[in-house]
Amino acid sequence: MPSDLVDDALLVVSELITNAVVHALPPASLCLSRQGGRAACAVRIEVTDAGPAPLRHHGGSPRQPEESGRGSAIIAALSARSGTTTYQGGTTRWAEVQ
């Protein structure tokens, strides 16, 4: 796979996993799959968690806007397609990078 695709996929993995750890209930699982056969350079990234976590109060001062909140924009910019599938007992967030 081209190194720029690997870099983009790694950043998308990081954003999806961070979202699951910060905002969802455990466990979280990661699934990577190559799309389109051997000749294609695309990867599908899926992170599945047990659904949204209850809102937590973060004591002290609120986070600065530059510290968080850009994950969805990063995923949208780096992926050809992305989305969320919600089902009883969990949520899968996915992205396809090519």
PDB file of N, CA and C in Angstrom:
ATOM      1  N   MET A   1       0.842  -1.175   0.000  1.00  0.00           N
ATOM      2  CA  MET A   1       0.000   0.000   0.000  1.00  0.00           C
ATOM      3  C   MET A   1       0.886   1.237   0.000  1.00  0.00           C
ATOM      4  N   PRO A   2       0.468   2.263  -0.690  1.00  0.00           N
ATOM      5  CA  PRO A   2       1.245   3.509  -0.695  1.00  0.00           C
ATOM      6  C   PRO A   2       1.341   4.096   0.715  1.00  0.00           C
ATOM      7  N   SER A   3       2.489   4.705   1.009  1.00  0.00           N
ATOM      8  CA  SER A   3       2.714   5.223   2.366  1.00  0.00           C
ATOM      9  C   SER A   3       1.717   6.315   2.747  1.00  0.00           C
ATOM     10  N   ASP A   4       1.273   7.140   1.775  1.00  0.00           N
ATOM     11  CA  ASP A   4       0.297   8.178   2.126  1.00  0.00           C
ATOM     12  C   ASP A   4      -1.050   7.563   2.521  1.00  0.00           C
ATOM     13  N   LEU A   5      -1.411   6.444   1.904  1.00  0.00           N
ATOM     14  CA  LEU A   5      -2.641   5.744   2.287  1.00  0.00           C
ATOM     15  C   LEU A   5      -2.503   5.171   3.694  1.00  0.00           C
ATOM     16  N   VAL A   6      -1.349   4.600   3.983  1.00  0.00           N
ATOM     17  CA  VAL A   6      -1.108   4.046   5.314  1.00  0.00           C
ATOM     18  C   VAL A   6      -1.178   5.152   6.366  1.00  0.00           C
ATOM     19  N   ASP A   7      -0.563   6.308   6.078  1.00  0.00           N
ATOM     20  CA  ASP A   7      -0.599   7.436   7.018  1.00  0.00           C
ATOM     21  C   ASP A   7      -2.023   7.913   7.267  1.00  0.00           C
ATOM     22  N   ASP A   8      -2.798   8.058   6.179  1.00  0.00           N
ATOM     23  CA  ASP A   8      -4.191   8.496   6.324  1.00  0.00           C
ATOM     24  C   ASP A   8      -5.003   7.478   7.123  1.00  0.00           C
ATOM     25  N   ALA A   9      -4.824   6.199   6.815  1.00  0.00           N
ATOM     26  CA  ALA A   9      -5.564   5.153   7.525  1.00  0.00           C
ATOM     27  C   ALA A   9      -5.201   5.141   9.010  1.00  0.00           C
ATOM     28  N   LEU A  10      -3.932   5.317   9.316  1.00  0.00           N
ATOM     29  CA  LEU A  10      -3.503   5.333  10.718  1.00  0.00           C
ATOM     30  C   LEU A  10      -4.146   6.488  11.485  1.00  0.00           C
ATOM     31  N   LEU A  11      -4.234   7.651  10.870  1.00  0.00           N
ATOM     32  CA  LEU A  11      -4.866   8.794  11.529  1.00  0.00           C
ATOM     33  C   LEU A  11      -6.367   8.544  11.724  1.00  0.00           C
ATOM     34  N   VAL A  12      -7.026   7.962  10.729  1.00  0.00           N
ATOM     35  CA  VAL A  12      -8.452   7.645  10.867  1.00  0.00           C
ATOM     36  C   VAL A  12      -8.660   6.615  11.975  1.00  0.00           C
ATOM     37  N   VAL A  13      -7.807   5.588  12.046  1.00  0.00           N
ATOM     38  CA  VAL A  13      -7.888   4.606  13.135  1.00  0.00           C
ATOM     39  C   VAL A  13      -7.777   5.314  14.480  1.00  0.00           C
ATOM     40  N   SER A  14      -6.800   6.201  14.600  1.00  0.00           N
ATOM     41  CA  SER A  14      -6.588   6.927  15.853  1.00  0.00           C
ATOM     42  C   SER A  14      -7.824   7.724  16.249  1.00  0.00           C
ATOM     43  N   GLU A  15      -8.426   8.409  15.302  1.00  0.00           N
ATOM     44  CA  GLU A  15      -9.616   9.218  15.597  1.00  0.00           C
ATOM     45  C   GLU A  15     -10.801   8.349  16.000  1.00  0.00           C
ATOM     46  N   LEU A  16     -11.021   7.242  15.286  1.00  0.00           N
ATOM     47  CA  LEU A  16     -12.154   6.375  15.606  1.00  0.00           C
ATOM     48  C   LEU A  16     -11.974   5.683  16.959  1.00  0.00           C
ATOM     49  N   ILE A  17     -10.773   5.223  17.240  1.00  0.00           N
ATOM     50  CA  ILE A  17     -10.509   4.585  18.535  1.00  0.00           C
ATOM     51  C   ILE A  17     -10.639   5.599  19.669  1.00  0.00           C
ATOM     52  N   THR A  18     -10.096   6.791  19.480  1.00  0.00           N
ATOM     53  CA  THR A  18     -10.208   7.831  20.507  1.00  0.00           C
ATOM     54  C   THR A  18     -11.673   8.133  20.802  1.00  0.00           C
ATOM     55  N   ASN A  19     -12.483   8.226  19.765  1.00  0.00           N
ATOM     56  CA  ASN A  19     -13.914   8.478  19.948  1.00  0.00           C
ATOM     57  C   ASN A  19     -14.552   7.378  20.794  1.00  0.00           C
ATOM     58  N   ALA A  20     -14.211   6.130  20.501  1.00  0.00           N
ATOM     59  CA  ALA A  20     -14.783   5.008  21.261  1.00  0.00           C
ATOM     60  C   ALA A  20     -14.334   5.031  22.720  1.00  0.00           C
ATOM     61  N   VAL A  21     -13.075   5.338  22.957  1.00  0.00           N
ATOM     62  CA  VAL A  21     -12.547   5.348  24.327  1.00  0.00           C
ATOM     63  C   VAL A  21     -13.137   6.493  25.141  1.00  0.00           C
ATOM     64  N   VAL A  22     -13.276   7.655  24.527  1.00  0.00           N
ATOM     65  CA  VAL A  22     -13.721   8.845  25.253  1.00  0.00           C
ATOM     66  C   VAL A  22     -15.249   8.907  25.391  1.00  0.00           C
ATOM     67  N   HIS A  23     -15.974   8.477  24.363  1.00  0.00           N
ATOM     68  CA  HIS A  23     -17.415   8.732  24.330  1.00  0.00           C
ATOM     69  C   HIS A  23     -18.303   7.494  24.407  1.00  0.00           C
ATOM     70  N   ALA A  24     -17.735   6.299  24.437  1.00  0.00           N
ATOM     71  CA  ALA A  24     -18.575   5.099  24.365  1.00  0.00           C
ATOM     72  C   ALA A  24     -18.254   4.125  25.497  1.00  0.00           C
ATOM     73  N   LEU A  25     -19.126   3.143  25.616  1.00  0.00           N
ATOM     74  CA  LEU A  25     -18.932   2.078  26.601  1.00  0.00           C
ATOM     75  C   LEU A  25     -18.016   1.004  26.027  1.00  0.00           C
ATOM     76  N   PRO A  26     -17.200   0.389  26.894  1.00  0.00           N
ATOM     77  CA  PRO A  26     -16.361  -0.711  26.425  1.00  0.00           C
ATOM     78  C   PRO A  26     -17.199  -1.975  26.229  1.00  0.00           C
ATOM     79  N   PRO A  27     -16.678  -2.939  25.516  1.00  0.00           N
ATOM     80  CA  PRO A  27     -15.368  -2.947  24.888  1.00  0.00           C
ATOM     81  C   PRO A  27     -15.416  -2.275  23.533  1.00  0.00           C
ATOM     82  N   ALA A  28     -14.257  -1.904  23.037  1.00  0.00           N
ATOM     83  CA  ALA A  28     -14.118  -1.374  21.682  1.00  0.00           C
ATOM     84  C   ALA A  28     -13.266  -2.353  20.886  1.00  0.00           C
ATOM     85  N   SER A  29     -13.645  -2.577  19.641  1.00  0.00           N
ATOM     86  CA  SER A  29     -12.865  -3.467  18.788  1.00  0.00           C
ATOM     87  C   SER A  29     -12.596  -2.792  17.449  1.00  0.00           C
ATOM     88  N   LEU A  30     -11.469  -3.134  16.871  1.00  0.00           N
ATOM     89  CA  LEU A  30     -11.016  -2.568  15.602  1.00  0.00           C
ATOM     90  C   LEU A  30     -10.976  -3.670  14.560  1.00  0.00           C
ATOM     91  N   CYS A  31     -11.501  -3.386  13.378  1.00  0.00           N
ATOM     92  CA  CYS A  31     -11.441  -4.323  12.263  1.00  0.00           C
ATOM     93  C   CYS A  31     -10.944  -3.557  11.035  1.00  0.00           C
ATOM     94  N   LEU A  32      -9.888  -4.060  10.414  1.00  0.00           N
ATOM     95  CA  LEU A  32      -9.353  -3.486   9.182  1.00  0.00           C
ATOM     96  C   LEU A  32      -9.513  -4.504   8.069  1.00  0.00           C
ATOM     97  N   SER A  33      -9.948  -4.048   6.894  1.00  0.00           N
ATOM     98  CA  SER A  33     -10.053  -4.955   5.756  1.00  0.00           C
ATOM     99  C   SER A  33      -9.665  -4.216   4.484  1.00  0.00           C
ATOM    100  N   ARG A  34      -9.020  -4.943   3.594  1.00  0.00           N
ATOM    101  CA  ARG A  34      -8.631  -4.386   2.298  1.00  0.00           C
ATOM    102  C   ARG A  34      -9.820  -4.504   1.370  1.00  0.00           C
ATOM    103  N   GLN A  35     -10.109  -3.462   0.642  1.00  0.00           N
ATOM    104  CA  GLN A  35     -11.281  -3.416  -0.222  1.00  0.00           C
ATOM    105  C   GLN A  35     -10.881  -3.567  -1.685  1.00  0.00           C
ATOM    106  N   GLY A  36     -11.660  -4.315  -2.451  1.00  0.00           N
ATOM    107  CA  GLY A  36     -11.503  -4.369  -3.891  1.00  0.00           C
ATOM    108  C   GLY A  36     -10.458  -5.323  -4.424  1.00  0.00           C
ATOM    109  N   GLY A  37      -9.976  -6.240  -3.624  1.00  0.00           N
ATOM    110  CA  GLY A  37      -9.013  -7.219  -4.122  1.00  0.00           C
ATOM    111  C   GLY A  37      -7.587  -6.721  -4.077  1.00  0.00           C
ATOM    112  N   ARG A  38      -6.690  -7.503  -4.656  1.00  0.00           N
ATOM    113  CA  ARG A  38      -5.259  -7.222  -4.566  1.00  0.00           C
ATOM    114  C   ARG A  38      -4.851  -5.945  -5.291  1.00  0.00           C
ATOM    115  N   ALA A  39      -5.481  -5.637  -6.412  1.00  0.00           N
ATOM    116  CA  ALA A  39      -5.063  -4.476  -7.203  1.00  0.00           C
ATOM    117  C   ALA A  39      -5.522  -3.154  -6.584  1.00  0.00           C
ATOM    118  N   ALA A  40      -6.573  -3.192  -5.790  1.00  0.00           N
ATOM    119  CA  ALA A  40      -7.120  -1.956  -5.227  1.00  0.00           C
ATOM    120  C   ALA A  40      -6.301  -1.499  -4.023  1.00  0.00           C
ATOM    121  N   CYS A  41      -6.212  -0.198  -3.883  1.00  0.00           N
ATOM    122  CA  CYS A  41      -5.540   0.386  -2.715  1.00  0.00           C
ATOM    123  C   CYS A  41      -6.587   1.107  -1.880  1.00  0.00           C
ATOM    124  N   ALA A  42      -7.345   0.339  -1.138  1.00  0.00           N
ATOM    125  CA  ALA A  42      -8.359   0.909  -0.249  1.00  0.00           C
ATOM    126  C   ALA A  42      -8.436   0.043   0.993  1.00  0.00           C
ATOM    127  N   VAL A  43      -8.732   0.687   2.106  1.00  0.00           N
ATOM    128  CA  VAL A  43      -8.874  -0.042   3.363  1.00  0.00           C
ATOM    129  C   VAL A  43     -10.144   0.444   4.059  1.00  0.00           C
ATOM    130  N   ARG A  44     -10.880  -0.502   4.621  1.00  0.00           N
ATOM    131  CA  ARG A  44     -12.066  -0.169   5.407  1.00  0.00           C
ATOM    132  C   ARG A  44     -11.683  -0.330   6.872  1.00  0.00           C
ATOM    133  N   ILE A  45     -12.009   0.690   7.650  1.00  0.00           N
ATOM    134  CA  ILE A  45     -11.696   0.728   9.077  1.00  0.00           C
ATOM    135  C   ILE A  45     -13.017   0.748   9.822  1.00  0.00           C
ATOM    136  N   GLU A  46     -13.187  -0.174  10.759  1.00  0.00           N
ATOM    137  CA  GLU A  46     -14.405  -0.224  11.570  1.00  0.00           C
ATOM    138  C   GLU A  46     -14.024  -0.288  13.037  1.00  0.00           C
ATOM    139  N   VAL A  47     -14.655   0.543  13.839  1.00  0.00           N
ATOM    140  CA  VAL A  47     -14.490   0.486  15.289  1.00  0.00           C
ATOM    141  C   VAL A  47     -15.874   0.297  15.881  1.00  0.00           C
ATOM    142  N   THR A  48     -16.025  -0.779  16.635  1.00  0.00           N
ATOM    143  CA  THR A  48     -17.304  -1.111  17.248  1.00  0.00           C
ATOM    144  C   THR A  48     -17.181  -0.983  18.762  1.00  0.00           C
ATOM    145  N   ASP A  49     -18.186  -0.360  19.367  1.00  0.00           N
ATOM    146  CA  ASP A  49     -18.217  -0.211  20.823  1.00  0.00           C
ATOM    147  C   ASP A  49     -19.594  -0.624  21.319  1.00  0.00           C
ATOM    148  N   ALA A  50     -19.804  -0.539  22.616  1.00  0.00           N
ATOM    149  CA  ALA A  50     -21.066  -0.972  23.228  1.00  0.00           C
ATOM    150  C   ALA A  50     -22.106   0.140  23.317  1.00  0.00           C
ATOM    151  N   GLY A  51     -21.923   1.220  22.588  1.00  0.00           N
ATOM    152  CA  GLY A  51     -22.887   2.309  22.573  1.00  0.00           C
ATOM    153  C   GLY A  51     -22.423   3.494  23.391  1.00  0.00           C
ATOM    154  N   PRO A  52     -23.179   4.578  23.344  1.00  0.00           N
ATOM    155  CA  PRO A  52     -22.777   5.814  24.018  1.00  0.00           C
ATOM    156  C   PRO A  52     -22.659   5.658  25.530  1.00  0.00           C
ATOM    157  N   ALA A  53     -21.638   6.256  26.078  1.00  0.00           N
ATOM    158  CA  ALA A  53     -21.455   6.282  27.535  1.00  0.00           C
ATOM    159  C   ALA A  53     -22.309   7.394  28.122  1.00  0.00           C
ATOM    160  N   PRO A  54     -22.712   7.251  29.374  1.00  0.00           N
ATOM    161  CA  PRO A  54     -23.420   8.364  30.022  1.00  0.00           C
ATOM    162  C   PRO A  54     -22.527   9.597  30.040  1.00  0.00           C
ATOM    163  N   LEU A  55     -23.147  10.750  29.937  1.00  0.00           N
ATOM    164  CA  LEU A  55     -22.363  11.988  29.969  1.00  0.00           C
ATOM    165  C   LEU A  55     -21.663  12.102  31.309  1.00  0.00           C
ATOM    166  N   ARG A  56     -20.400  12.476  31.257  1.00  0.00           N
ATOM    167  CA  ARG A  56     -19.608  12.636  32.468  1.00  0.00           C
ATOM    168  C   ARG A  56     -19.307  14.100  32.687  1.00  0.00           C
ATOM    169  N   HIS A  57     -19.288  14.495  33.934  1.00  0.00           N
ATOM    170  CA  HIS A  57     -18.881  15.853  34.262  1.00  0.00           C
ATOM    171  C   HIS A  57     -17.373  15.855  34.434  1.00  0.00           C
ATOM    172  N   HIS A  58     -16.710  16.671  33.643  1.00  0.00           N
ATOM    173  CA  HIS A  58     -15.257  16.805  33.754  1.00  0.00           C
ATOM    174  C   HIS A  58     -14.978  17.962  34.686  1.00  0.00           C
ATOM    175  N   GLY A  59     -14.592  17.664  35.925  1.00  0.00           N
ATOM    176  CA  GLY A  59     -14.325  18.710  36.901  1.00  0.00           C
ATOM    177  C   GLY A  59     -13.259  19.671  36.435  1.00  0.00           C
ATOM    178  N   GLY A  60     -13.213  20.799  37.068  1.00  0.00           N
ATOM    179  CA  GLY A  60     -12.210  21.801  36.711  1.00  0.00           C
ATOM    180  C   GLY A  60     -12.649  22.621  35.519  1.00  0.00           C
ATOM    181  N   SER A  61     -11.693  23.179  34.842  1.00  0.00           N
ATOM    182  CA  SER A  61     -12.004  24.048  33.711  1.00  0.00           C
ATOM    183  C   SER A  61     -12.365  23.229  32.479  1.00  0.00           C
ATOM    184  N   PRO A  62     -13.253  23.766  31.653  1.00  0.00           N
ATOM    185  CA  PRO A  62     -13.631  23.047  30.438  1.00  0.00           C
ATOM    186  C   PRO A  62     -12.453  22.969  29.469  1.00  0.00           C
ATOM    187  N   ARG A  63     -12.505  21.956  28.590  1.00  0.00           N
ATOM    188  CA  ARG A  63     -11.455  21.813  27.583  1.00  0.00           C
ATOM    189  C   ARG A  63     -11.452  23.004  26.641  1.00  0.00           C
ATOM    190  N   GLN A  64     -10.276  23.332  26.195  1.00  0.00           N
ATOM    191  CA  GLN A  64     -10.146  24.391  25.204  1.00  0.00           C
ATOM    192  C   GLN A  64     -10.609  23.852  23.846  1.00  0.00           C
ATOM    193  N   PRO A  65     -11.257  24.667  23.017  1.00  0.00           N
ATOM    194  CA  PRO A  65     -11.771  24.176  21.732  1.00  0.00           C
ATOM    195  C   PRO A  65     -10.684  23.580  20.843  1.00  0.00           C
ATOM    196  N   GLU A  66      -9.467  24.069  20.927  1.00  0.00           N
ATOM    197  CA  GLU A  66      -8.405  23.541  20.073  1.00  0.00           C
ATOM    198  C   GLU A  66      -7.918  22.168  20.518  1.00  0.00           C
ATOM    199  N   GLU A  67      -8.367  21.668  21.675  1.00  0.00           N
ATOM    200  CA  GLU A  67      -7.924  20.374  22.187  1.00  0.00           C
ATOM    201  C   GLU A  67      -8.766  19.204  21.703  1.00  0.00           C
ATOM    202  N   SER A  68      -9.948  19.438  21.190  1.00  0.00           N
ATOM    203  CA  SER A  68     -10.809  18.332  20.771  1.00  0.00           C
ATOM    204  C   SER A  68     -11.867  18.823  19.801  1.00  0.00           C
ATOM    205  N   GLY A  69     -12.637  17.861  19.277  1.00  0.00           N
ATOM    206  CA  GLY A  69     -13.776  18.220  18.443  1.00  0.00           C
ATOM    207  C   GLY A  69     -13.521  18.235  16.951  1.00  0.00           C
ATOM    208  N   ARG A  70     -12.342  17.795  16.517  1.00  0.00           N
ATOM    209  CA  ARG A  70     -12.042  17.818  15.084  1.00  0.00           C
ATOM    210  C   ARG A  70     -12.042  16.429  14.451  1.00  0.00           C
ATOM    211  N   GLY A  71     -12.301  15.390  15.230  1.00  0.00           N
ATOM    212  CA  GLY A  71     -12.218  14.024  14.732  1.00  0.00           C
ATOM    213  C   GLY A  71     -13.103  13.752  13.536  1.00  0.00           C
ATOM    214  N   SER A  72     -14.351  14.159  13.588  1.00  0.00           N
ATOM    215  CA  SER A  72     -15.270  13.917  12.470  1.00  0.00           C
ATOM    216  C   SER A  72     -14.813  14.623  11.199  1.00  0.00           C
ATOM    217  N   ALA A  73     -14.303  15.835  11.342  1.00  0.00           N
ATOM    218  CA  ALA A  73     -13.812  16.579  10.174  1.00  0.00           C
ATOM    219  C   ALA A  73     -12.570  15.914   9.582  1.00  0.00           C
ATOM    220  N   ILE A  74     -11.701  15.410  10.439  1.00  0.00           N
ATOM    221  CA  ILE A  74     -10.494  14.718   9.963  1.00  0.00           C
ATOM    222  C   ILE A  74     -10.889  13.446   9.218  1.00  0.00           C
ATOM    223  N   ILE A  75     -11.802  12.675   9.791  1.00  0.00           N
ATOM    224  CA  ILE A  75     -12.252  11.443   9.141  1.00  0.00           C
ATOM    225  C   ILE A  75     -12.896  11.751   7.797  1.00  0.00           C
ATOM    226  N   ALA A  76     -13.741  12.766   7.742  1.00  0.00           N
ATOM    227  CA  ALA A  76     -14.398  13.140   6.483  1.00  0.00           C
ATOM    228  C   ALA A  76     -13.384  13.578   5.431  1.00  0.00           C
ATOM    229  N   ALA A  77     -12.367  14.301   5.849  1.00  0.00           N
ATOM    230  CA  ALA A  77     -11.363  14.797   4.901  1.00  0.00           C
ATOM    231  C   ALA A  77     -10.479  13.673   4.350  1.00  0.00           C
ATOM    232  N   LEU A  78     -10.216  12.655   5.146  1.00  0.00           N
ATOM    233  CA  LEU A  78      -9.278  11.606   4.743  1.00  0.00           C
ATOM    234  C   LEU A  78      -9.934  10.370   4.132  1.00  0.00           C
ATOM    235  N   SER A  79     -11.242  10.255   4.246  1.00  0.00           N
ATOM    236  CA  SER A  79     -11.902   9.043   3.758  1.00  0.00           C
ATOM    237  C   SER A  79     -12.777   9.332   2.540  1.00  0.00           C
ATOM    238  N   ALA A  80     -12.912   8.303   1.716  1.00  0.00           N
ATOM    239  CA  ALA A  80     -13.799   8.393   0.554  1.00  0.00           C
ATOM    240  C   ALA A  80     -15.255   8.302   0.991  1.00  0.00           C
ATOM    241  N   ARG A  81     -15.489   7.486   2.013  1.00  0.00           N
ATOM    242  CA  ARG A  81     -16.832   7.323   2.581  1.00  0.00           C
ATOM    243  C   ARG A  81     -16.673   7.028   4.053  1.00  0.00           C
ATOM    244  N   SER A  82     -17.674   7.401   4.834  1.00  0.00           N
ATOM    245  CA  SER A  82     -17.674   7.072   6.258  1.00  0.00           C
ATOM    246  C   SER A  82     -19.105   7.085   6.762  1.00  0.00           C
ATOM    247  N   GLY A  83     -19.306   6.459   7.901  1.00  0.00           N
ATOM    248  CA  GLY A  83     -20.651   6.440   8.446  1.00  0.00           C
ATOM    249  C   GLY A  83     -20.706   5.760   9.796  1.00  0.00           C
ATOM    250  N   THR A  84     -21.922   5.614  10.282  1.00  0.00           N
ATOM    251  CA  THR A  84     -22.183   5.007  11.576  1.00  0.00           C
ATOM    252  C   THR A  84     -23.345   4.039  11.437  1.00  0.00           C
ATOM    253  N   THR A  85     -23.190   2.869  12.021  1.00  0.00           N
ATOM    254  CA  THR A  85     -24.262   1.884  12.074  1.00  0.00           C
ATOM    255  C   THR A  85     -24.566   1.628  13.544  1.00  0.00           C
ATOM    256  N   THR A  86     -25.812   1.861  13.934  1.00  0.00           N
ATOM    257  CA  THR A  86     -26.231   1.645  15.312  1.00  0.00           C
ATOM    258  C   THR A  86     -27.167   0.447  15.343  1.00  0.00           C
ATOM    259  N   TYR A  87     -26.965  -0.400  16.312  1.00  0.00           N
ATOM    260  CA  TYR A  87     -27.798  -1.583  16.465  1.00  0.00           C
ATOM    261  C   TYR A  87     -27.963  -1.855  17.953  1.00  0.00           C
ATOM    262  N   GLN A  88     -28.867  -2.759  18.303  1.00  0.00           N
ATOM    263  CA  GLN A  88     -29.092  -3.072  19.714  1.00  0.00           C
ATOM    264  C   GLN A  88     -27.786  -3.568  20.335  1.00  0.00           C
ATOM    265  N   GLY A  89     -27.311  -2.851  21.328  1.00  0.00           N
ATOM    266  CA  GLY A  89     -26.111  -3.272  22.030  1.00  0.00           C
ATOM    267  C   GLY A  89     -24.813  -2.692  21.523  1.00  0.00           C
ATOM    268  N   GLY A  90     -24.858  -1.802  20.545  1.00  0.00           N
ATOM    269  CA  GLY A  90     -23.593  -1.242  20.094  1.00  0.00           C
ATOM    270  C   GLY A  90     -23.678  -0.302  18.919  1.00  0.00           C
ATOM    271  N   THR A  91     -22.514   0.218  18.576  1.00  0.00           N
ATOM    272  CA  THR A  91     -22.371   1.159  17.473  1.00  0.00           C
ATOM    273  C   THR A  91     -21.077   0.836  16.730  1.00  0.00           C
ATOM    274  N   THR A  92     -21.141   0.856  15.405  1.00  0.00           N
ATOM    275  CA  THR A  92     -19.945   0.717  14.585  1.00  0.00           C
ATOM    276  C   THR A  92     -19.772   1.991  13.787  1.00  0.00           C
ATOM    277  N   ARG A  93     -18.604   2.599  13.935  1.00  0.00           N
ATOM    278  CA  ARG A  93     -18.231   3.750  13.114  1.00  0.00           C
ATOM    279  C   ARG A  93     -17.199   3.250  12.123  1.00  0.00           C
ATOM    280  N   TRP A  94     -17.353   3.630  10.859  1.00  0.00           N
ATOM    281  CA  TRP A  94     -16.490   3.090   9.833  1.00  0.00           C
ATOM    282  C   TRP A  94     -16.055   4.182   8.857  1.00  0.00           C
ATOM    283  N   ALA A  95     -14.976   3.908   8.171  1.00  0.00           N
ATOM    284  CA  ALA A  95     -14.469   4.798   7.129  1.00  0.00           C
ATOM    285  C   ALA A  95     -13.715   3.977   6.105  1.00  0.00           C
ATOM    286  N   GLU A  96     -13.776   4.395   4.846  1.00  0.00           N
ATOM    287  CA  GLU A  96     -13.019   3.765   3.777  1.00  0.00           C
ATOM    288  C   GLU A  96     -12.017   4.773   3.239  1.00  0.00           C
ATOM    289  N   VAL A  97     -10.752   4.404   3.322  1.00  0.00           N
ATOM    290  CA  VAL A  97      -9.664   5.265   2.887  1.00  0.00           C
ATOM    291  C   VAL A  97      -9.072   4.677   1.620  1.00  0.00           C
ATOM    292  N   GLN A  98      -8.896   5.516   0.579  1.00  0.00           N
ATOM    293  CA  GLN A  98      -8.321   5.039  -0.676  1.00  0.00           C
ATOM    294  C   GLN A  98      -7.411   6.066  -1.297  1.00  0.00           C
TER     295      GLN A  98
END
